[in-house]
């Protein structure tokens, strides 16, 4: 079995790109014995629970609008290659991503993790929605086939909160300092929004290791 642990954050544009490129790489394998798990990594772990205005966030992160524009223009150009039309102008808030990571964990238990991850990226990067807002998360969940009532109850509590924080810290202890980061069968890793071809040697190494066991 090929297991890929994807460490990513729901407000990371390169993670959205990395997801699309990983999917293109996997489409070439036609391997049904495959598990992809999305693992939490918060780029802004100290973000207030309610988030902050995007203007305030950009000012603190880049110090100048020119530098921010240069960075996001490069991301937008990269997005075109994956048919992602980043709409950064639509974003008004930078959310705390703990709740979105909890939703992903909840969705995994109901075999809806991948569509929920995709929907979160689209909501934030294409529509400028606040994916830290509970109502937004519930709507995303129901559109992906999850029970709205169950999601409301889950998000209102603290289930999986400590698990998410522990996994985030474990990733940092593993040496992960940037996302996306892909760990294959717990033995091989690659970081960044790599082109599909970059994954093939790791897939082959994982296959050889499994054959030798």
Protein backbone atom coordinates (compact mmCIF):
# COMPACT_ATOMS: atom_id res chain seq x y z
CA UNK A 1 0.00 0.00 0.00
CA UNK A 2 1.19 3.50 -0.82
CA UNK A 3 0.45 5.99 1.96
CA UNK A 4 1.08 9.68 1.42
CA UNK A 5 0.88 12.08 4.35
CA UNK A 6 0.43 15.62 3.08
CA UNK A 7 1.37 18.28 5.61
CA UNK A 8 -0.33 21.50 4.56
CA UNK A 9 -2.29 24.53 5.70
CA UNK A 10 -5.65 25.63 4.33
CA UNK A 11 -4.46 29.21 3.76
CA UNK A 12 -1.29 28.18 1.92
CA UNK A 13 -1.58 28.84 -1.83
CA UNK A 14 1.41 26.62 -2.59
CA UNK A 15 -0.39 23.80 -0.78
CA UNK A 16 -3.35 24.22 -3.15
CA UNK A 17 -0.93 24.01 -6.07
CA UNK A 18 0.83 21.05 -4.49
CA UNK A 19 -2.45 19.19 -4.09
CA UNK A 20 -3.27 19.57 -7.76
CA UNK A 21 0.21 18.46 -8.83
CA UNK A 22 0.19 15.45 -6.54
CA UNK A 23 -3.15 14.43 -8.01
CA UNK A 24 -1.69 14.64 -11.51
CA UNK A 25 1.22 12.45 -10.41
CA UNK A 26 -1.11 9.89 -8.86
CA UNK A 27 -3.30 9.83 -11.97
CA UNK A 28 -0.32 8.36 -13.82
CA UNK A 29 -0.04 5.43 -11.39
CA UNK A 30 -3.57 4.01 -11.61
CA UNK A 31 -2.95 2.46 -8.17
CA UNK A 32 -6.08 1.60 -6.22
CA UNK A 33 -4.08 0.54 -3.14
CA UNK A 34 -3.42 4.10 -2.09
CA UNK A 35 -4.15 6.27 0.95
CA UNK A 36 -3.68 10.04 1.07
CA UNK A 37 -3.94 11.68 4.50
CA UNK A 38 -3.95 15.45 4.93
CA UNK A 39 -2.07 16.39 8.08
CA UNK A 40 -2.26 19.76 9.87
CA UNK A 41 0.42 22.40 9.79
CA UNK A 42 -0.41 25.96 10.83
CA UNK A 43 1.65 28.61 9.10
CA UNK A 44 0.35 31.17 11.59
CA UNK A 45 -0.08 29.26 14.88
CA UNK A 46 -0.30 32.51 16.84
CA UNK A 47 -3.13 33.89 14.72
CA UNK A 48 -6.01 35.13 16.95
CA UNK A 49 -8.92 32.69 17.08
CA UNK A 50 -11.10 35.20 15.21
CA UNK A 51 -8.41 35.84 12.60
CA UNK A 52 -7.48 39.31 11.43
CA UNK A 53 -8.04 41.55 8.46
CA UNK A 54 -6.01 40.53 5.45
CA UNK A 55 -4.70 44.07 5.08
CA UNK A 56 -3.34 43.94 8.62
CA UNK A 57 -1.82 40.52 8.00
CA UNK A 58 -0.10 41.56 4.77
CA UNK A 59 1.26 44.71 6.39
CA UNK A 60 2.79 42.69 9.23
CA UNK A 61 4.16 39.96 6.96
CA UNK A 62 5.56 41.95 4.04
CA UNK A 63 5.97 45.52 5.37
CA UNK A 64 5.22 46.91 1.91
CA UNK A 65 2.37 46.51 -0.57
CA UNK A 66 4.87 46.26 -3.42
CA UNK A 67 6.54 43.19 -1.93
CA UNK A 68 3.17 41.54 -1.25
CA UNK A 69 2.02 42.23 -4.80
CA UNK A 70 5.21 40.71 -6.21
CA UNK A 71 4.82 37.52 -4.16
CA UNK A 72 1.16 36.99 -4.96
CA UNK A 73 1.62 37.81 -8.63
CA UNK A 74 4.14 34.97 -8.86
CA UNK A 75 1.69 32.62 -7.14
CA UNK A 76 -1.09 33.67 -9.51
CA UNK A 77 1.13 32.92 -12.51
CA UNK A 78 1.92 29.47 -11.11
CA UNK A 79 -1.78 28.90 -10.55
CA UNK A 80 -2.57 29.25 -14.24
CA UNK A 81 -0.61 26.07 -14.96
CA UNK A 82 -2.97 24.14 -12.68
CA UNK A 83 -6.11 25.97 -13.81
CA UNK A 84 -6.38 27.73 -10.44
CA UNK A 85 -7.61 31.30 -10.77
CA UNK A 86 -6.37 32.74 -7.49
CA UNK A 87 -8.51 35.68 -6.43
CA UNK A 88 -6.48 37.29 -3.68
CA UNK A 89 -8.37 40.58 -4.06
CA UNK A 90 -11.53 38.85 -2.80
CA UNK A 91 -9.95 37.91 0.51
CA UNK A 92 -10.84 40.21 3.38
CA UNK A 93 -9.74 38.15 6.39
CA UNK A 94 -6.87 35.84 7.23
CA UNK A 95 -8.38 33.14 9.44
CA UNK A 96 -6.98 31.01 12.20
CA UNK A 97 -6.91 27.57 10.53
CA UNK A 98 -7.41 25.31 13.56
CA UNK A 99 -11.12 24.84 12.88
CA UNK A 100 -10.60 24.06 9.21
CA UNK A 101 -8.03 21.43 10.17
CA UNK A 102 -10.54 19.97 12.62
CA UNK A 103 -13.10 19.78 9.81
CA UNK A 104 -10.59 17.91 7.65
CA UNK A 105 -10.00 15.43 10.48
CA UNK A 106 -13.77 14.98 10.88
CA UNK A 107 -14.16 14.48 7.13
CA UNK A 108 -11.46 11.79 7.08
CA UNK A 109 -13.56 9.64 9.41
CA UNK A 110 -16.40 9.88 6.89
CA UNK A 111 -14.26 9.27 3.78
CA UNK A 112 -14.81 12.86 2.59
CA UNK A 113 -11.38 14.30 3.36
CA UNK A 114 -10.17 14.99 -0.18
CA UNK A 115 -13.31 16.82 -1.38
CA UNK A 116 -13.39 18.86 1.84
CA UNK A 117 -9.75 19.91 1.41
CA UNK A 118 -10.46 20.92 -2.19
CA UNK A 119 -13.60 22.82 -1.16
CA UNK A 120 -11.74 24.70 1.58
CA UNK A 121 -9.07 25.80 -0.88
CA UNK A 122 -11.64 26.90 -3.42
CA UNK A 123 -13.68 28.79 -0.81
CA UNK A 124 -10.65 30.70 0.43
CA UNK A 125 -8.58 31.24 -2.70
CA UNK A 126 -11.28 31.59 -5.35
CA UNK A 127 -14.21 33.07 -3.42
CA UNK A 128 -12.44 34.91 -0.61
CA UNK A 129 -14.52 33.26 2.10
CA UNK A 130 -13.56 33.22 5.78
CA UNK A 131 -12.78 29.55 6.39
CA UNK A 132 -12.37 30.20 10.09
CA UNK A 133 -16.08 30.99 10.37
CA UNK A 134 -18.25 28.13 11.65
CA UNK A 135 -21.17 28.83 9.33
CA UNK A 136 -18.85 28.82 6.33
CA UNK A 137 -17.29 25.53 7.44
CA UNK A 138 -20.69 23.91 7.96
CA UNK A 139 -21.83 24.97 4.50
CA UNK A 140 -18.64 23.60 2.94
CA UNK A 141 -19.08 20.34 4.84
CA UNK A 142 -22.69 19.85 3.75
CA UNK A 143 -21.79 20.60 0.13
CA UNK A 144 -19.27 17.75 0.41
CA UNK A 145 -21.88 15.29 1.66
CA UNK A 146 -21.39 15.56 5.43
CA UNK A 147 -24.20 15.96 7.93
CA UNK A 148 -24.65 19.63 8.79
CA UNK A 149 -26.01 18.80 12.24
CA UNK A 150 -23.08 16.55 13.05
CA UNK A 151 -20.59 19.17 11.88
CA UNK A 152 -22.27 21.93 13.92
CA UNK A 153 -22.06 19.76 17.04
CA UNK A 154 -18.46 18.78 16.34
CA UNK A 155 -17.19 22.31 15.70
CA UNK A 156 -18.98 23.60 18.82
CA UNK A 157 -16.85 21.29 20.98
CA UNK A 158 -13.13 20.64 21.33
CA UNK A 159 -12.87 17.12 19.91
CA UNK A 160 -9.59 16.60 18.00
CA UNK A 161 -8.30 20.04 18.95
CA UNK A 162 -5.39 18.68 20.98
CA UNK A 163 -4.73 16.02 18.33
CA UNK A 164 -4.40 18.71 15.66
CA UNK A 165 -2.00 20.73 17.78
CA UNK A 166 0.04 17.63 18.63
CA UNK A 167 0.34 16.63 14.97
CA UNK A 168 1.42 20.16 14.08
CA UNK A 169 4.15 20.03 16.72
CA UNK A 170 5.21 16.54 15.58
CA UNK A 171 5.65 17.83 12.05
CA UNK A 172 7.96 20.56 13.29
CA UNK A 173 9.97 18.02 15.32
CA UNK A 174 10.28 15.93 12.13
CA UNK A 175 12.02 18.92 10.59
CA UNK A 176 9.16 20.17 8.45
CA UNK A 177 9.60 23.92 8.19
CA UNK A 178 7.60 24.66 5.06
CA UNK A 179 4.52 23.28 3.38
CA UNK A 180 3.35 21.49 1.41
CA UNK A 181 5.45 18.56 2.53
CA UNK A 182 4.77 15.02 1.35
CA UNK A 183 5.87 11.97 3.35
CA UNK A 184 5.56 8.66 1.49
CA UNK A 185 5.18 5.46 3.50
CA UNK A 186 6.83 7.21 6.44
CA UNK A 187 10.22 6.91 4.77
CA UNK A 188 10.58 9.31 1.85
CA UNK A 189 9.71 12.97 1.75
CA UNK A 190 9.60 15.89 -0.62
CA UNK A 191 8.69 19.51 0.06
CA UNK A 192 7.21 22.24 -2.04
CA UNK A 193 4.63 22.42 -4.81
CA UNK A 194 6.65 20.06 -6.98
CA UNK A 195 5.83 19.15 -10.55
CA UNK A 196 4.34 15.63 -10.93
CA UNK A 197 7.61 14.23 -12.28
CA UNK A 198 9.35 14.92 -8.97
CA UNK A 199 7.14 12.35 -7.21
CA UNK A 200 7.85 9.41 -9.51
CA UNK A 201 11.28 8.42 -8.09
CA UNK A 202 9.84 8.44 -4.56
CA UNK A 203 6.93 6.28 -5.62
CA UNK A 204 9.41 3.82 -7.15
CA UNK A 205 11.55 3.78 -3.99
CA UNK A 206 8.48 3.09 -1.88
CA UNK A 207 7.46 0.25 -4.18
CA UNK A 208 10.94 -1.31 -3.95
CA UNK A 209 10.95 -1.05 -0.15
CA UNK A 210 7.55 -2.74 0.04
CA UNK A 211 8.70 -5.53 -2.28
CA UNK A 212 11.71 -6.19 -0.02
CA UNK A 213 9.67 -6.43 3.17
